[in-house]
Amino acid sequence: MANTTVDIRLSEVVSALTYALDITEGQPEGHAIRNCMIGMTLADHMPLTSSQRSALFYALLLKDLGCSSNAAKVTQLFGADDRQAKFRLKTVDWSGLLNSATYVVRTAGQGEPLLPRLRRLIGLGMQAQTVSSGLMRTRCERGAEIARQLGFPEETAQAILDLDEHWDGKGNPVGKKGEQISLLGRVLDFAQTLEVFYSAHGPEGARRVARQRRGTWFDPALVDLFFATFAHDESFWAKLGSEDLIADISAYEPPDRILHADQDKLDQIAEAFARVIDAKSPYTSRHSARVAEIVRLMAAELNLPPEQRRDLSRAALLHDIGKLAVSNTILDKPGQLTDAEWAQVRSHTDYTYRILERVRGFRQLAQVASAHHERLDGSGYHRGLPGGEMSQAARLLAVADQYEALTAPRPYRQPLSSAEALKLLEGQVGTGIDPVAFQALRATVEKGGVPEPAVVEKI
């Protein structure tokens, strides 16, 4: 396909997708965008080049690209909802022994019987530094890797790598100190923390944490610059409360470095966010990518036009973006789910719709991507659409998604063979799944083009 430029600013696409990163981190909606507004306002008073400002702008928006990569490990270690554990961690000065111990006691093993919880607490206490360093390393390295995949400069990737390093050398993952930490990384760490405390406690909360962590977490020069410029500017703090942050953030991008998204870039973004989605659980390490490969082959079998194939592939890559809102205590549970847990799982298609509906360039995919659990008889979720309201693309995606899930391992069962999966799906033809879509799948499988499922990653 030609590398056709479309009239969409890259910042519009990226900023809207950061809402998915916010929910993965357990942060309130708009966290990454407000973080960007804080960091770029600080940058207005710094001697940065235009290219540095552009690199910083996207680093601030995409600092959490690696956030899903340690979600399963957080749940395994703490026996807790990964989103809640991450949210609490951002409000704690975990470099101090007492604060770190308090965080572990309040977070780990909630709801477990006393003896197993004590074992968990002792185990975490004995390896606290190693655990925190490993979690941060996984997250920062994956985030930097995806930023590079998206074509952002090395300064952006390096800032994401340095996100959790601290001025006093007690941060993670490698304990860089002072000016060993990249300047843009220092801005990321400062802006992120200010936003967390602003969202929890208002402007005074942000000012208070800046004072308290000056010279320990934060570069003193950045803290001093903050207080000398906009710390007490009430009009700035009012902007952070805007109801249309996605529209507002474009004003913070360097005007001489505005980036646009062509069709190839939109494909690249969909592929990158599929990696974020699939990293949430070791059981889905290639789920979205494999569904996209399957549905592309099915579309080719039906001779669909190239533009429809492209949109279908993007919808497949992003169909499970709503699962970033579901706790790994549920996604990776080996036993039967409770009714409340099922309700959370079923909510992921609604989250998919609400996230994609915000994204210019992907907005037209929202209906198709969020309909992958609908059934022809109307018994699916989250809308309960009858077959007559399901588009051809939605019918194809629903079949590809089911086949991939059936032939890949899950925490509660072993994978089915291709023959077993096809037989099970064939029994749903006409009631649950579309006959034409099933025939396209079967033809694709019989031709041997379907990729093998990924091996479950160790955590």
Protein backbone atom coordinates (compact mmCIF):
# COMPACT_ATOMS: atom_id res chain seq x y z
CA MET A 1 0.00 0.00 0.00
CA ALA A 2 1.23 3.48 -0.82
CA ASN A 3 2.66 5.57 2.01
CA THR A 4 -0.25 8.02 1.81
CA THR A 5 -0.28 10.97 4.21
CA VAL A 6 -3.55 11.56 6.01
CA ASP A 7 -4.48 14.76 7.78
CA ILE A 8 -4.09 13.42 11.30
CA ARG A 9 -1.58 14.70 13.80
CA LEU A 10 0.34 11.89 15.42
CA SER A 11 -0.22 13.52 18.81
CA GLU A 12 -4.00 13.15 18.37
CA VAL A 13 -3.68 9.39 17.88
CA VAL A 14 -1.10 8.82 20.59
CA SER A 15 -2.72 11.02 23.24
CA ALA A 16 -6.08 9.28 22.84
CA LEU A 17 -4.44 5.85 23.17
CA THR A 18 -2.73 6.89 26.42
CA TYR A 19 -6.07 6.39 28.16
CA ALA A 20 -5.40 2.65 27.74
CA LEU A 21 -2.03 3.07 29.44
CA ASP A 22 -3.64 5.06 32.27
CA ILE A 23 -6.06 2.26 33.15
CA THR A 24 -3.26 -0.32 33.03
CA GLU A 25 -1.38 1.69 35.64
CA GLY A 26 -4.50 2.18 37.77
CA GLN A 27 -4.34 5.93 37.15
CA PRO A 28 -7.30 8.26 36.56
CA GLU A 29 -8.20 9.06 32.96
CA GLY A 30 -5.93 11.68 31.43
CA HIS A 31 -2.93 10.93 33.65
CA ALA A 32 -0.43 10.72 30.76
CA ILE A 33 -1.79 13.83 29.05
CA ARG A 34 -1.68 15.90 32.26
CA ASN A 35 1.83 14.56 32.84
CA CYS A 36 2.75 15.83 29.37
CA MET A 37 1.21 19.24 30.06
CA ILE A 38 3.26 19.56 33.26
CA GLY A 39 6.50 18.41 31.64
CA MET A 40 6.15 20.59 28.56
CA THR A 41 5.26 23.66 30.65
CA LEU A 42 8.49 23.08 32.56
CA ALA A 43 10.32 22.65 29.23
CA ASP A 44 9.10 26.09 28.13
CA HIS A 45 11.57 27.53 30.66
CA MET A 46 14.47 25.22 29.78
CA PRO A 47 17.19 25.72 27.11
CA LEU A 48 16.10 22.74 25.00
CA THR A 49 16.47 22.43 21.25
CA SER A 50 13.41 21.90 19.09
CA SER A 51 14.33 18.25 18.55
CA GLN A 52 14.75 17.73 22.32
CA ARG A 53 11.35 19.28 22.96
CA SER A 54 9.74 16.96 20.41
CA ALA A 55 11.48 13.93 21.92
CA LEU A 56 10.34 15.02 25.39
CA PHE A 57 6.75 15.61 24.25
CA TYR A 58 6.34 12.03 23.06
CA ALA A 59 8.31 10.57 25.98
CA LEU A 60 5.92 12.30 28.40
CA LEU A 61 2.88 10.93 26.57
CA LEU A 62 4.27 7.42 26.16
CA LYS A 63 6.23 6.96 29.39
CA ASP A 64 3.98 4.01 30.31
CA LEU A 65 4.36 2.03 27.07
CA GLY A 66 5.94 -0.81 29.04
CA CYS A 67 3.36 -0.75 31.84
CA SER A 68 1.63 -4.03 30.95
CA SER A 69 4.84 -6.05 30.78
CA ASN A 70 5.14 -6.44 34.57
CA ALA A 71 1.42 -6.69 35.40
CA ALA A 72 1.39 -10.49 35.73
CA LYS A 73 4.55 -10.44 37.85
CA VAL A 74 3.10 -7.78 40.17
CA THR A 75 0.01 -9.94 40.71
CA GLN A 76 2.10 -13.08 41.24
CA LEU A 77 4.38 -11.41 43.79
CA PHE A 78 1.81 -9.40 45.72
CA GLY A 79 -1.25 -11.60 45.29
CA ALA A 80 -3.12 -8.39 44.56
CA ASP A 81 -4.80 -6.46 41.75
CA ASP A 82 -1.89 -5.21 39.65
CA ARG A 83 -3.61 -1.89 38.94
CA GLN A 84 -4.20 -1.12 42.63
CA ALA A 85 -0.66 -2.18 43.55
CA LYS A 86 0.81 0.12 40.89
CA PHE A 87 -1.41 3.03 41.87
CA ARG A 88 -0.38 2.78 45.52
CA LEU A 89 3.29 2.48 44.60
CA LYS A 90 3.23 5.84 42.81
CA THR A 91 2.10 7.57 46.01
CA VAL A 92 4.84 6.08 48.20
CA ASP A 93 8.46 7.14 48.68
CA TRP A 94 9.55 3.51 48.34
CA SER A 95 13.25 4.38 48.53
CA GLY A 96 12.83 4.61 52.32
CA LEU A 97 12.82 1.27 54.21
CA LEU A 98 9.86 2.11 56.47
CA ASN A 99 7.71 3.42 53.62
CA SER A 100 8.58 0.43 51.47
CA ALA A 101 7.71 -2.02 54.26
CA THR A 102 4.42 -0.22 54.93
CA TYR A 103 3.52 -0.40 51.26
CA VAL A 104 4.20 -4.15 51.16
CA VAL A 105 2.12 -4.82 54.28
CA ARG A 106 -0.82 -2.77 52.99
CA THR A 107 -0.72 -4.26 49.50
CA ALA A 108 0.47 -7.86 49.56
CA GLY A 109 -1.83 -10.82 50.12
CA GLN A 110 -4.97 -8.87 51.00
CA GLY A 111 -7.75 -11.41 51.57
CA GLU A 112 -5.39 -14.38 51.90
CA PRO A 113 -5.41 -16.60 55.01
CA LEU A 114 -2.98 -15.48 57.69
CA LEU A 115 -0.23 -18.09 57.20
CA PRO A 116 0.07 -17.80 53.39
CA ARG A 117 0.01 -14.02 53.73
CA LEU A 118 2.81 -14.07 56.29
CA ARG A 119 4.88 -16.26 53.97
CA ARG A 120 4.28 -13.82 51.12
CA LEU A 121 5.22 -10.80 53.28
CA ILE A 122 8.42 -12.44 54.52
CA GLY A 123 9.39 -13.47 51.00
CA LEU A 124 8.84 -9.97 49.65
CA GLY A 125 10.70 -8.43 52.56
CA MET A 126 13.76 -10.59 51.91
CA GLN A 127 13.95 -9.66 48.23
CA ALA A 128 12.34 -6.21 48.15
CA GLN A 129 15.18 -4.39 46.36
CA THR A 130 15.67 -7.15 43.79
CA VAL A 131 11.92 -7.35 43.15
CA SER A 132 11.43 -3.61 42.66
CA SER A 133 14.49 -3.31 40.42
CA GLY A 134 13.36 -6.24 38.27
CA LEU A 135 9.84 -4.90 37.87
CA MET A 136 11.06 -1.45 36.89
CA ARG A 137 13.67 -2.83 34.51
CA THR A 138 11.13 -4.96 32.67
CA ARG A 139 8.73 -2.05 32.34
CA CYS A 140 11.26 0.60 31.29
CA GLU A 141 13.13 -1.61 28.83
CA ARG A 142 9.92 -2.77 27.14
CA GLY A 143 8.63 0.80 26.95
CA ALA A 144 11.85 2.04 25.37
CA GLU A 145 11.84 -0.84 22.91
CA ILE A 146 8.30 -0.05 21.75
CA ALA A 147 9.13 3.66 21.46
CA ARG A 148 11.98 2.74 19.13
CA GLN A 149 9.64 0.45 17.16
CA LEU A 150 7.36 3.46 16.67
CA GLY A 151 10.24 5.40 15.16
CA PHE A 152 10.81 7.89 17.96
CA PRO A 153 14.37 9.16 18.54
CA GLU A 154 16.76 7.59 21.01
CA GLU A 155 16.29 10.54 23.38
CA THR A 156 12.64 9.52 23.77
CA ALA A 157 13.58 5.89 24.44
CA GLN A 158 16.30 6.92 26.91
CA ALA A 159 13.92 9.15 28.85
CA ILE A 160 11.51 6.22 29.23
CA LEU A 161 14.41 4.01 30.39
CA ASP A 162 15.29 6.61 33.05
CA LEU A 163 11.71 7.21 34.21
CA ASP A 164 12.18 5.69 37.68
CA GLU A 165 15.78 6.73 38.34
CA HIS A 166 16.24 9.21 41.20
CA TRP A 167 18.62 12.13 41.67
CA ASP A 168 20.14 10.55 44.82
CA GLY A 169 20.92 7.25 43.05
CA LYS A 170 18.31 5.23 44.95
CA GLY A 171 15.96 4.73 42.03
CA ASN A 172 15.51 1.91 39.54
CA PRO A 173 16.35 -0.03 37.49
CA VAL A 174 20.12 0.62 37.67
CA GLY A 175 20.52 3.32 40.33
CA LYS A 176 21.82 6.14 38.15
CA LYS A 177 22.69 9.28 40.11
CA GLY A 178 22.48 12.99 39.41
CA GLU A 179 23.42 13.95 35.88
CA GLN A 180 24.00 10.31 34.96
CA ILE A 181 20.23 10.36 34.45
CA SER A 182 19.26 11.86 31.10
CA LEU A 183 17.82 15.36 31.36
CA LEU A 184 14.58 14.29 29.68
CA GLY A 185 14.35 11.32 32.05
CA ARG A 186 14.64 13.68 35.01
CA VAL A 187 11.76 15.73 33.62
CA LEU A 188 9.65 12.57 33.18
CA ASP A 189 10.18 11.43 36.77
CA PHE A 190 9.36 14.89 38.16
CA ALA A 191 6.30 15.48 35.95
CA GLN A 192 4.88 12.01 36.61
CA THR A 193 5.05 12.40 40.37
CA LEU A 194 3.61 15.92 40.30
CA GLU A 195 0.64 14.65 38.28
CA VAL A 196 -0.04 11.74 40.64
CA PHE A 197 -0.07 14.02 43.68
CA TYR A 198 -2.02 16.72 41.84
CA SER A 199 -4.74 14.20 40.92
CA ALA A 200 -4.87 12.88 44.49
CA HIS A 201 -4.44 16.11 46.49
CA GLY A 202 -4.70 19.08 44.14
CA PRO A 203 -2.04 21.73 43.35
CA GLU A 204 -0.84 21.93 46.94
CA GLY A 205 -0.23 18.17 46.94
CA ALA A 206 1.98 18.60 43.86
CA ARG A 207 3.87 21.50 45.44
CA ARG A 208 4.31 19.58 48.69
CA VAL A 209 5.84 16.47 47.06
CA ALA A 210 8.15 18.68 45.00
CA ARG A 211 9.50 20.27 48.20
CA GLN A 212 9.75 16.96 50.07
CA ARG A 213 11.65 15.08 47.35
CA ARG A 214 13.91 17.90 46.14
CA GLY A 215 17.43 16.51 45.97
CA THR A 216 16.35 12.93 46.67
CA TRP A 217 14.00 11.88 43.85
CA PHE A 218 14.17 15.10 41.86
CA ASP A 219 16.86 17.24 40.29
CA PRO A 220 16.93 20.34 42.56
CA ALA A 221 17.26 22.63 39.54
CA LEU A 222 13.98 21.33 38.10
CA VAL A 223 12.18 21.80 41.41
CA ASP A 224 13.51 25.35 41.73
CA LEU A 225 12.48 26.12 38.15
CA PHE A 226 8.99 24.78 38.86
CA PHE A 227 8.55 27.11 41.85
CA ALA A 228 10.04 30.06 40.01
CA THR A 229 7.63 29.74 37.07
CA PHE A 230 4.21 28.06 37.32
CA ALA A 231 3.91 26.26 40.67
CA HIS A 232 1.48 28.91 41.94
CA ASP A 233 -0.14 29.73 38.59
CA GLU A 234 -3.78 28.83 39.20
CA SER A 235 -4.64 29.22 35.50
CA PHE A 236 -2.19 26.40 34.72
CA TRP A 237 -3.71 24.05 37.29
CA ALA A 238 -7.17 24.89 35.95
CA LYS A 239 -6.05 23.70 32.49
CA LEU A 240 -5.29 20.26 33.92
CA GLY A 241 -8.97 19.94 34.77
CA SER A 242 -10.09 20.39 31.16
CA GLU A 243 -12.82 18.07 29.86
CA ASP A 244 -11.15 17.84 26.44
CA LEU A 245 -7.54 17.05 27.20
CA ILE A 246 -7.00 15.29 23.85
CA ALA A 247 -7.79 18.52 21.99
CA ASP A 248 -5.79 20.64 24.44
CA ILE A 249 -2.57 18.62 24.28
CA SER A 250 -1.85 19.56 20.66
CA ALA A 251 -0.93 23.09 21.83
CA TYR A 252 2.01 21.63 23.78
CA GLU A 253 3.68 19.98 20.78
CA PRO A 254 6.58 22.06 19.38
CA PRO A 255 4.96 23.93 16.47
CA ASP A 256 7.99 23.48 14.20
CA ARG A 257 8.10 19.71 14.89
CA ILE A 258 4.49 18.66 14.38
CA LEU A 259 4.35 15.03 13.26
CA HIS A 260 1.59 13.54 11.11
CA ALA A 261 0.39 9.96 10.79
CA ASP A 262 0.23 8.33 7.38
CA GLN A 263 -1.34 4.94 6.77
CA ASP A 264 1.90 3.09 7.45
CA LYS A 265 2.33 4.96 10.73
CA LEU A 266 -1.21 4.02 11.80
CA ASP A 267 -0.37 0.37 11.07
CA GLN A 268 2.81 0.78 13.13
CA ILE A 269 0.85 2.24 16.05
CA ALA A 270 -1.70 -0.59 15.96
CA GLU A 271 1.10 -3.16 15.96
CA ALA A 272 2.90 -1.43 18.83
CA PHE A 273 -0.21 -1.23 21.01
CA ALA A 274 -0.96 -4.88 20.22
CA ARG A 275 2.36 -5.62 21.93
CA VAL A 276 1.26 -3.60 24.95
CA ILE A 277 -2.05 -5.49 25.04
CA ASP A 278 -0.54 -8.95 24.62
CA ALA A 279 2.12 -8.33 27.30
CA LYS A 280 -0.59 -8.04 29.97
CA SER A 281 -0.70 -11.81 30.50
CA PRO A 282 1.80 -14.59 29.75
CA TYR A 283 -1.10 -16.51 28.22
CA THR A 284 -1.72 -13.86 25.57
CA SER A 285 1.84 -13.04 24.56
CA ARG A 286 0.90 -13.10 20.85
CA HIS A 287 -2.89 -13.27 20.94
CA SER A 288 -3.72 -9.99 19.19
CA ALA A 289 -0.96 -10.39 16.62
CA ARG A 290 -2.06 -13.97 15.86
CA VAL A 291 -5.74 -12.99 15.56
CA ALA A 292 -4.68 -10.30 13.09
CA GLU A 293 -2.68 -12.82 11.05
CA ILE A 294 -5.61 -15.25 10.99
CA VAL A 295 -8.19 -12.65 10.03
CA ARG A 296 -5.94 -11.29 7.26
CA LEU A 297 -5.78 -14.77 5.75
CA MET A 298 -9.56 -15.13 6.06
CA ALA A 299 -10.08 -11.77 4.36
CA ALA A 300 -7.79 -12.85 1.53
CA GLU A 301 -9.80 -16.07 1.20
CA LEU A 302 -12.93 -13.94 0.67
CA ASN A 303 -11.13 -11.53 -1.70
CA LEU A 304 -12.02 -8.47 0.37
CA PRO A 305 -10.73 -5.12 -0.95
CA PRO A 306 -7.32 -3.97 0.38
CA GLU A 307 -8.77 -1.08 2.42
CA GLN A 308 -11.19 -3.42 4.22
CA ARG A 309 -8.37 -5.87 4.92
CA ARG A 310 -6.28 -3.05 6.41
CA ASP A 311 -9.07 -1.89 8.72
CA LEU A 312 -9.86 -5.47 9.72
CA SER A 313 -6.21 -6.10 10.56
CA ARG A 314 -6.05 -2.96 12.73
CA ALA A 315 -9.31 -3.89 14.49
CA ALA A 316 -7.86 -7.34 15.23
CA LEU A 317 -4.64 -5.87 16.62
CA LEU A 318 -6.60 -3.57 18.94
CA HIS A 319 -9.67 -5.67 19.76
CA ASP A 320 -8.51 -6.55 23.28
CA ILE A 321 -7.24 -3.12 24.29
CA GLY A 322 -10.03 -3.07 26.88
CA LYS A 323 -8.42 -6.03 28.67
CA LEU A 324 -5.82 -3.62 29.99
CA ALA A 325 -8.57 -2.55 32.41
CA VAL A 326 -8.97 -6.08 33.80
CA SER A 327 -6.92 -7.26 36.76
CA ASN A 328 -4.40 -10.05 36.25
CA THR A 329 -5.89 -11.72 39.31
CA ILE A 330 -8.75 -12.49 36.92
CA LEU A 331 -6.95 -12.83 33.57
CA ASP A 332 -4.46 -15.38 34.93
CA LYS A 333 -6.78 -17.17 37.36
CA PRO A 334 -6.47 -20.96 36.94
CA GLY A 335 -9.85 -21.73 38.49
CA GLN A 336 -13.47 -20.87 37.80
CA LEU A 337 -14.38 -17.18 37.79
CA THR A 338 -17.01 -15.77 40.13
CA ASP A 339 -19.98 -13.83 38.76
CA ALA A 340 -18.30 -10.56 39.74
CA GLU A 341 -15.09 -11.59 37.98
CA TRP A 342 -17.02 -12.56 34.85
CA ALA A 343 -18.64 -9.15 34.89
CA GLN A 344 -15.17 -7.56 34.83
CA VAL A 345 -14.06 -9.77 31.95
CA ARG A 346 -17.20 -8.95 29.98
CA SER A 347 -16.61 -5.23 30.50
CA HIS A 348 -13.43 -5.32 28.40
CA THR A 349 -15.31 -5.01 25.10
CA ASP A 350 -17.02 -1.85 26.36
CA TYR A 351 -13.61 -0.45 27.33
CA THR A 352 -12.32 -1.33 23.85
CA TYR A 353 -15.15 0.65 22.29
CA ARG A 354 -14.70 3.65 24.56
CA ILE A 355 -10.94 3.82 24.02
CA LEU A 356 -10.98 3.44 20.24
CA GLU A 357 -13.94 5.76 19.79
CA ARG A 358 -11.69 8.57 21.07
CA VAL A 359 -8.88 7.88 18.60
CA ARG A 360 -8.91 9.81 15.37
CA GLY A 361 -7.67 7.36 12.75
CA PHE A 362 -9.05 4.33 14.61
CA ARG A 363 -12.51 5.66 15.47
CA GLN A 364 -14.10 3.72 12.59
CA LEU A 365 -12.71 0.49 14.11
CA ALA A 366 -14.47 0.84 17.46
CA GLN A 367 -17.69 -0.95 16.51
CA VAL A 368 -15.95 -3.89 14.84
CA ALA A 369 -13.18 -4.32 17.42
CA SER A 370 -15.59 -4.23 20.37
CA ALA A 371 -17.99 -6.77 18.80
CA HIS A 372 -15.67 -9.79 18.90
CA HIS A 373 -17.72 -11.51 21.62
CA GLU A 374 -21.10 -10.89 20.00
CA ARG A 375 -23.07 -13.88 18.64
CA LEU A 376 -25.58 -14.23 15.83
CA ASP A 377 -28.34 -15.25 18.27
CA GLY A 378 -27.85 -12.08 20.33
CA SER A 379 -26.47 -13.89 23.39
CA GLY A 380 -23.00 -12.32 23.19
CA TYR A 381 -21.57 -9.26 24.91
CA HIS A 382 -21.32 -6.40 25.64
CA ARG A 383 -24.24 -5.15 23.55
CA GLY A 384 -26.02 -8.44 22.86
CA LEU A 385 -26.23 -7.58 19.15
CA PRO A 386 -28.38 -9.86 16.98
CA GLY A 387 -26.73 -11.20 13.83
CA GLY A 388 -28.45 -8.69 11.60
CA GLU A 389 -26.57 -5.88 13.36
CA MET A 390 -23.14 -7.52 13.10
CA SER A 391 -21.05 -6.34 10.16
CA GLN A 392 -19.14 -8.78 7.99
CA ALA A 393 -15.89 -7.54 9.55
CA ALA A 394 -17.21 -8.16 13.07
CA ARG A 395 -18.29 -11.68 12.11
CA LEU A 396 -14.85 -12.49 10.71
CA LEU A 397 -13.07 -11.06 13.75
CA ALA A 398 -15.30 -12.99 16.17
CA VAL A 399 -14.42 -16.33 14.50
CA ALA A 400 -10.69 -15.56 14.29
CA ASP A 401 -10.62 -14.52 17.95
CA GLN A 402 -12.36 -17.71 19.10
CA TYR A 403 -10.13 -19.96 17.03
CA GLU A 404 -6.95 -18.32 18.32
CA ALA A 405 -8.11 -18.57 21.93
CA LEU A 406 -9.11 -22.22 21.58
CA THR A 407 -5.80 -23.27 20.05
CA ALA A 408 -3.63 -21.38 22.54
CA PRO A 409 -2.98 -22.33 26.20
CA ARG A 410 -4.98 -20.67 28.94
CA PRO A 411 -4.50 -20.77 32.73
CA TYR A 412 -7.54 -23.04 33.11
CA ARG A 413 -6.92 -25.46 30.18
CA GLN A 414 -4.51 -26.84 27.61
CA PRO A 415 -4.79 -25.73 23.97
CA LEU A 416 -7.04 -27.61 21.57
CA SER A 417 -5.74 -28.99 18.31
CA SER A 418 -6.82 -27.31 15.07
CA ALA A 419 -9.21 -30.18 14.35
CA GLU A 420 -10.76 -29.99 17.84
CA ALA A 421 -11.16 -26.21 17.61
CA LEU A 422 -12.80 -26.38 14.17
CA LYS A 423 -15.19 -29.09 15.34
CA LEU A 424 -16.20 -27.03 18.37
CA LEU A 425 -16.73 -23.92 16.24
CA GLU A 426 -18.67 -25.82 13.59
CA GLY A 427 -21.24 -26.69 16.25
CA GLN A 428 -21.90 -22.96 16.71
CA VAL A 429 -22.42 -22.14 13.02
CA GLY A 430 -25.69 -20.33 12.42
CA THR A 431 -26.41 -19.70 16.09
CA GLY A 432 -23.18 -18.22 17.40
CA ILE A 433 -20.91 -17.71 14.43
CA ASP A 434 -21.37 -16.79 10.80
CA PRO A 435 -21.26 -19.66 8.23
CA VAL A 436 -19.26 -17.68 5.65
CA ALA A 437 -16.72 -16.62 8.27
CA PHE A 438 -16.37 -20.21 9.46
CA GLN A 439 -15.81 -21.50 5.94
CA ALA A 440 -13.11 -18.86 5.39
CA LEU A 441 -11.43 -19.94 8.63
CA ARG A 442 -11.59 -23.63 7.75
CA ALA A 443 -10.14 -23.01 4.28
CA THR A 444 -7.34 -20.96 5.84
CA VAL A 445 -6.52 -23.66 8.40
CA GLU A 446 -6.61 -26.44 5.79
CA LYS A 447 -4.12 -24.52 3.66
CA GLY A 448 -1.72 -24.53 6.60
CA GLY A 449 -1.27 -20.79 6.79
CA VAL A 450 -2.31 -20.22 10.40
CA PRO A 451 0.67 -19.39 12.65
CA GLU A 452 1.41 -21.56 15.64
CA PRO A 453 0.44 -20.20 19.08
CA ALA A 454 3.12 -18.69 21.26
CA VAL A 455 4.65 -20.60 24.13
CA VAL A 456 3.45 -19.30 27.51
CA GLU A 457 6.05 -16.86 28.85
CA LYS A 458 7.52 -17.51 32.28
CA ILE A 459 6.96 -14.77 34.85
